Amino acid sequence: MAASKIEAAPEAASQTQVRQRSTIGFPYMDLESAVELANAIHDHAGHGDCDDDQLAAWSGQSAKSSTFRVQVYAARTFGILEIENDRHKLTELGRAIVDPKQARSARVKAFIHVPLFKTIFDNHRSGVLPPTAALEREIVQLGVSEKQKGRARVVFEKSAEQSGFFEHGKNRLVMPGVAPDAAPAGKRQENNGSQLQDRNGRGTGSGPEDALIQALMQKLPPSGPWSADERVNWLKLLTMAFQIAYGPSDEIEIKKQV
């Protein structure tokens, strides 16, 4: 079964202890590797789905290789891929990340989607990152296995660069400025291209965090149908955007009732 193979990805990469001891989610490959799989699905199946053999062939790999399974695990951790009925398909975020008009904001959301990366960002958003040794100690304190702290740090740093968080230096995490350019032209004009407005016509803000919320608001479909899974994914992204804009708060769980 495809799902069981992907869940076994850490063991396949000789990381059994990670599953036993790590208590915070993080990928074992960087964001770019996840985007590669998203592009492979988009190029060959569009909004459709595929099985292990197809996705592996499209990405030039073997479905039995540990590298492939770890790469899929990473794409799922970034919120780009999901499995439904043992088949891979792009999430709403995955579809955005292969769209050149939405890719920049989608990469930001994918980076923040990872619990470890989001926590590090929250801890250091107003200052500079600590030196390598201190950062790795913090990573362990946040719940990463001692034996995987180096790998987690490297994947974090690569992904931060690939998503634009290091644009002002590799020792400082800064939320990238994300223009709401993914919205249809009509919506961009209604919002004057930069700000949402309240009922009195006043702008609600134009900082980087506000832009992230704006981009999500502009992703709301003008009419139905809109599936429950898509609604849940959108609400999860909005919750993370609120955490970025207004600071950490108590954990909010959003899920579909079964």
Protein backbone atom coordinates (compact mmCIF):
# COMPACT_ATOMS: atom_id res chain seq x y z
CA MET A 1 0.00 0.00 0.00
CA ALA A 2 1.34 3.42 -0.92
CA ALA A 3 0.30 5.00 2.36
CA SER A 4 2.16 2.47 4.46
CA LYS A 5 5.30 2.91 2.37
CA ILE A 6 5.30 6.65 2.81
CA GLU A 7 4.67 6.44 6.55
CA ALA A 8 7.71 4.19 6.72
CA ALA A 9 9.92 6.79 5.04
CA PRO A 10 12.01 7.66 8.13
CA GLU A 11 12.80 3.98 8.75
CA ALA A 12 13.69 3.54 5.10
CA ALA A 13 16.35 6.19 5.57
CA SER A 14 17.70 4.45 8.70
CA GLN A 15 15.94 6.94 10.98
CA THR A 16 13.97 4.63 13.26
CA GLN A 17 15.12 6.59 16.29
CA VAL A 18 13.70 9.79 14.80
CA ARG A 19 10.21 8.34 14.85
CA GLN A 20 10.71 7.07 18.39
CA ARG A 21 12.25 10.18 19.89
CA SER A 22 11.45 13.27 17.83
CA THR A 23 8.33 15.02 19.04
CA ILE A 24 8.05 17.82 16.48
CA GLY A 25 7.41 17.47 12.78
CA PHE A 26 10.10 18.27 10.21
CA PRO A 27 11.07 17.02 6.73
CA TYR A 28 14.26 15.11 5.91
CA MET A 29 14.69 16.87 2.56
CA ASP A 30 14.41 20.55 1.68
CA LEU A 31 11.57 22.53 0.14
CA GLU A 32 13.00 22.40 -3.37
CA SER A 33 12.84 18.60 -3.37
CA ALA A 34 9.17 18.79 -2.43
CA VAL A 35 8.49 21.30 -5.21
CA GLU A 36 10.15 18.94 -7.69
CA LEU A 37 7.51 16.30 -6.94
CA ALA A 38 4.75 18.89 -7.16
CA ASN A 39 5.98 19.92 -10.61
CA ALA A 40 6.17 16.27 -11.69
CA ILE A 41 2.53 15.70 -10.79
CA HIS A 42 1.45 19.00 -12.33
CA ASP A 43 3.32 18.33 -15.58
CA HIS A 44 1.96 14.81 -16.03
CA ALA A 45 -1.41 14.73 -14.26
CA GLY A 46 -2.47 18.34 -13.76
CA HIS A 47 -4.99 18.35 -10.91
CA GLY A 48 -5.26 14.57 -11.13
CA ASP A 49 -3.63 11.90 -9.00
CA CYS A 50 -1.06 9.15 -9.47
CA ASP A 51 0.38 6.08 -7.78
CA ASP A 52 3.90 5.43 -6.47
CA ASP A 53 5.19 3.94 -9.71
CA GLN A 54 4.00 6.86 -11.81
CA LEU A 55 5.36 9.56 -9.50
CA ALA A 56 8.69 7.78 -9.16
CA ALA A 57 9.04 7.42 -12.94
CA TRP A 58 8.07 11.06 -13.52
CA SER A 59 10.79 12.16 -11.09
CA GLY A 60 13.42 9.76 -12.49
CA GLN A 61 13.50 7.45 -9.48
CA SER A 62 12.51 3.98 -8.34
CA ALA A 63 9.36 3.60 -6.28
CA LYS A 64 11.28 1.22 -4.03
CA SER A 65 14.12 3.61 -3.25
CA SER A 66 14.38 5.13 0.21
CA THR A 67 15.23 8.51 -1.36
CA PHE A 68 11.91 8.59 -3.18
CA ARG A 69 9.92 7.71 -0.07
CA VAL A 70 11.73 10.33 2.01
CA GLN A 71 11.11 12.92 -0.71
CA VAL A 72 7.39 12.17 -0.70
CA TYR A 73 7.40 12.32 3.09
CA ALA A 74 8.98 15.77 2.86
CA ALA A 75 6.41 16.98 0.33
CA ARG A 76 3.63 15.87 2.67
CA THR A 77 5.30 17.56 5.64
CA PHE A 78 5.43 20.85 3.69
CA GLY A 79 1.70 20.46 2.97
CA ILE A 80 2.25 20.17 -0.78
CA LEU A 81 1.19 16.56 -1.38
CA GLU A 82 -1.48 14.38 0.18
CA ILE A 83 -2.51 10.76 -0.17
CA GLU A 84 -6.09 9.79 -0.89
CA ASN A 85 -7.05 6.18 -1.55
CA ASP A 86 -3.33 5.29 -1.79
CA ARG A 87 -2.79 7.83 -4.57
CA HIS A 88 -0.76 11.03 -4.52
CA LYS A 89 -2.26 14.37 -5.46
CA LEU A 90 -1.47 18.04 -4.99
CA THR A 91 -3.07 19.91 -2.13
CA GLU A 92 -4.42 23.41 -2.69
CA LEU A 93 -1.02 24.67 -1.53
CA GLY A 94 0.68 22.29 -3.94
CA ARG A 95 -1.35 23.62 -6.84
CA ALA A 96 -0.40 27.16 -5.85
CA ILE A 97 3.30 26.35 -5.59
CA VAL A 98 3.49 25.22 -9.25
CA ASP A 99 1.72 28.39 -10.41
CA PRO A 100 4.34 31.07 -11.21
CA LYS A 101 1.92 33.81 -10.10
CA GLN A 102 1.43 32.20 -6.70
CA ALA A 103 4.72 30.37 -6.17
CA ARG A 104 6.37 32.99 -3.96
CA SER A 105 3.54 33.20 -1.43
CA ALA A 106 3.02 29.42 -1.61
CA ARG A 107 6.65 28.78 -0.70
CA VAL A 108 6.25 31.03 2.33
CA LYS A 109 3.18 29.07 3.43
CA ALA A 110 4.92 25.73 2.84
CA PHE A 111 7.87 26.76 5.02
CA ILE A 112 5.58 27.90 7.84
CA HIS A 113 3.53 24.71 7.47
CA VAL A 114 6.40 22.72 9.03
CA PRO A 115 6.02 22.76 12.85
CA LEU A 116 9.77 22.92 13.54
CA PHE A 117 10.39 25.74 11.07
CA LYS A 118 7.40 27.76 12.27
CA THR A 119 8.53 27.47 15.89
CA ILE A 120 12.05 28.62 15.06
CA PHE A 121 10.61 31.54 13.10
CA ASP A 122 8.34 32.51 15.99
CA ASN A 123 11.28 32.32 18.43
CA HIS A 124 13.59 34.55 16.35
CA ARG A 125 11.31 36.77 14.26
CA SER A 126 12.46 39.94 16.04
CA GLY A 127 16.18 39.15 16.20
CA VAL A 128 18.96 37.11 14.66
CA LEU A 129 19.45 33.38 14.56
CA PRO A 130 21.96 31.92 17.03
CA PRO A 131 25.24 30.36 15.81
CA THR A 132 25.16 26.82 14.44
CA ALA A 133 25.88 24.99 17.70
CA ALA A 134 23.33 27.02 19.65
CA LEU A 135 20.71 26.61 16.92
CA GLU A 136 21.19 22.85 16.96
CA ARG A 137 20.79 22.81 20.75
CA GLU A 138 17.55 24.72 20.33
CA ILE A 139 16.39 22.27 17.68
CA VAL A 140 16.94 19.41 20.11
CA GLN A 141 15.08 21.29 22.84
CA LEU A 142 12.16 21.73 20.46
CA GLY A 143 11.87 17.96 20.09
CA VAL A 144 14.26 16.77 17.37
CA SER A 145 16.34 13.66 17.98
CA GLU A 146 19.91 14.42 19.07
CA LYS A 147 21.22 12.32 16.19
CA GLN A 148 19.16 14.27 13.66
CA LYS A 149 19.83 17.82 14.85
CA GLY A 150 22.45 18.49 12.16
CA ARG A 151 20.25 17.24 9.35
CA ALA A 152 17.24 19.14 10.67
CA ARG A 153 19.29 22.35 10.81
CA VAL A 154 20.62 21.96 7.27
CA VAL A 155 17.15 21.24 5.85
CA PHE A 156 15.78 24.21 7.80
CA GLU A 157 18.46 26.57 6.44
CA LYS A 158 18.09 25.38 2.85
CA SER A 159 14.31 25.62 2.99
CA ALA A 160 14.45 29.09 4.57
CA GLU A 161 16.62 30.28 1.69
CA GLN A 162 14.43 28.60 -0.93
CA SER A 163 11.30 30.24 0.47
CA GLY A 164 12.79 33.74 0.76
CA PHE A 165 13.21 33.99 4.54
CA PHE A 166 16.96 34.68 4.21
CA GLU A 167 16.65 37.56 1.76
CA HIS A 168 18.09 39.94 4.38
CA GLY A 169 20.95 37.69 5.46
CA LYS A 170 21.34 34.08 6.53
CA ASN A 171 21.42 34.97 10.22
CA ARG A 172 18.02 36.68 10.20
CA LEU A 173 14.59 35.21 9.46
CA VAL A 174 12.37 37.83 7.83
CA MET A 175 8.91 37.12 6.50
CA PRO A 176 9.12 37.72 2.73
CA GLY A 177 6.98 40.49 1.31
CA VAL A 178 4.18 38.75 -0.54
CA ALA A 179 2.14 40.84 -2.94
CA PRO A 180 -1.42 39.62 -3.48
CA ASP A 181 -0.74 39.12 -7.18
CA ALA A 182 -2.37 35.70 -7.34
CA ALA A 183 -5.88 37.14 -7.22
CA PRO A 184 -8.01 37.61 -10.35
CA ALA A 185 -7.68 41.06 -11.89
CA GLY A 186 -11.14 42.12 -10.74
CA LYS A 187 -10.40 41.34 -7.11
CA ARG A 188 -7.05 43.11 -7.28
CA GLN A 189 -8.80 46.26 -8.49
CA GLU A 190 -11.45 46.04 -5.78
CA ASN A 191 -8.68 45.93 -3.16
CA ASN A 192 -6.62 48.72 -4.82
CA GLY A 193 -3.92 46.13 -5.46
CA SER A 194 -2.56 46.24 -1.90
CA GLN A 195 -5.02 46.41 0.99
CA LEU A 196 -8.19 44.75 2.15
CA GLN A 197 -10.83 47.21 3.33
CA ASP A 198 -13.24 47.04 6.22
CA ARG A 199 -16.91 48.00 5.95
CA ASN A 200 -16.03 51.69 6.35
CA GLY A 201 -13.56 51.54 3.47
CA ARG A 202 -10.47 51.72 5.67
CA GLY A 203 -7.39 49.67 4.81
CA THR A 204 -6.62 46.82 7.19
CA GLY A 205 -2.84 46.89 6.78
CA SER A 206 -0.12 46.37 4.21
CA GLY A 207 2.75 44.69 6.08
CA PRO A 208 4.20 41.34 5.02
CA GLU A 209 1.98 39.45 7.50
CA ASP A 210 -1.12 41.27 6.27
CA ALA A 211 -0.21 40.45 2.69
CA LEU A 212 -0.17 36.75 3.57
CA ILE A 213 -3.70 37.00 4.99
CA GLN A 214 -4.80 39.03 1.96
CA ALA A 215 -3.49 36.37 -0.40
CA LEU A 216 -5.50 33.73 1.46
CA MET A 217 -8.66 35.84 1.47
CA GLN A 218 -8.33 36.31 -2.26
CA LYS A 219 -8.16 32.53 -2.69
CA LEU A 220 -11.79 32.23 -1.54
CA PRO A 221 -13.82 30.93 -4.48
CA PRO A 222 -16.54 33.28 -5.78
CA SER A 223 -19.05 30.41 -5.76
CA GLY A 224 -19.37 26.69 -5.11
CA PRO A 225 -18.78 23.87 -5.12
CA TRP A 226 -15.96 23.95 -2.55
CA SER A 227 -15.16 20.60 -0.94
CA ALA A 228 -14.79 20.06 2.80
CA ASP A 229 -11.13 19.06 2.38
CA GLU A 230 -10.37 22.29 0.51
CA ARG A 231 -12.16 24.33 3.16
CA VAL A 232 -10.20 22.64 5.96
CA ASN A 233 -6.89 23.22 4.15
CA TRP A 234 -7.74 26.91 3.66
CA LEU A 235 -8.70 27.35 7.32
CA LYS A 236 -5.47 25.70 8.45
CA LEU A 237 -3.43 28.10 6.32
CA LEU A 238 -5.43 31.06 7.64
CA THR A 239 -4.78 29.94 11.22
CA MET A 240 -1.03 29.84 10.54
CA ALA A 241 -1.21 33.29 8.93
CA PHE A 242 -2.89 34.63 12.07
CA GLN A 243 -0.08 33.12 14.17
CA ILE A 244 2.45 34.99 12.04
CA ALA A 245 0.56 38.29 12.01
CA TYR A 246 -0.52 38.39 15.64
CA GLY A 247 2.00 36.18 17.43
CA PRO A 248 1.77 32.69 18.94
CA SER A 249 -1.43 31.65 20.71
CA ASP A 250 -2.96 28.50 22.10
CA GLU A 251 -3.04 25.64 19.60
CA ILE A 252 -6.11 25.70 17.35
CA GLU A 253 -7.11 22.39 15.78
CA ILE A 254 -9.08 22.41 12.55
CA LYS A 255 -10.24 19.13 11.11
CA LYS A 256 -13.10 17.59 9.19
CA GLN A 257 -15.64 15.64 11.20
CA VAL A 258 -15.71 12.01 10.12
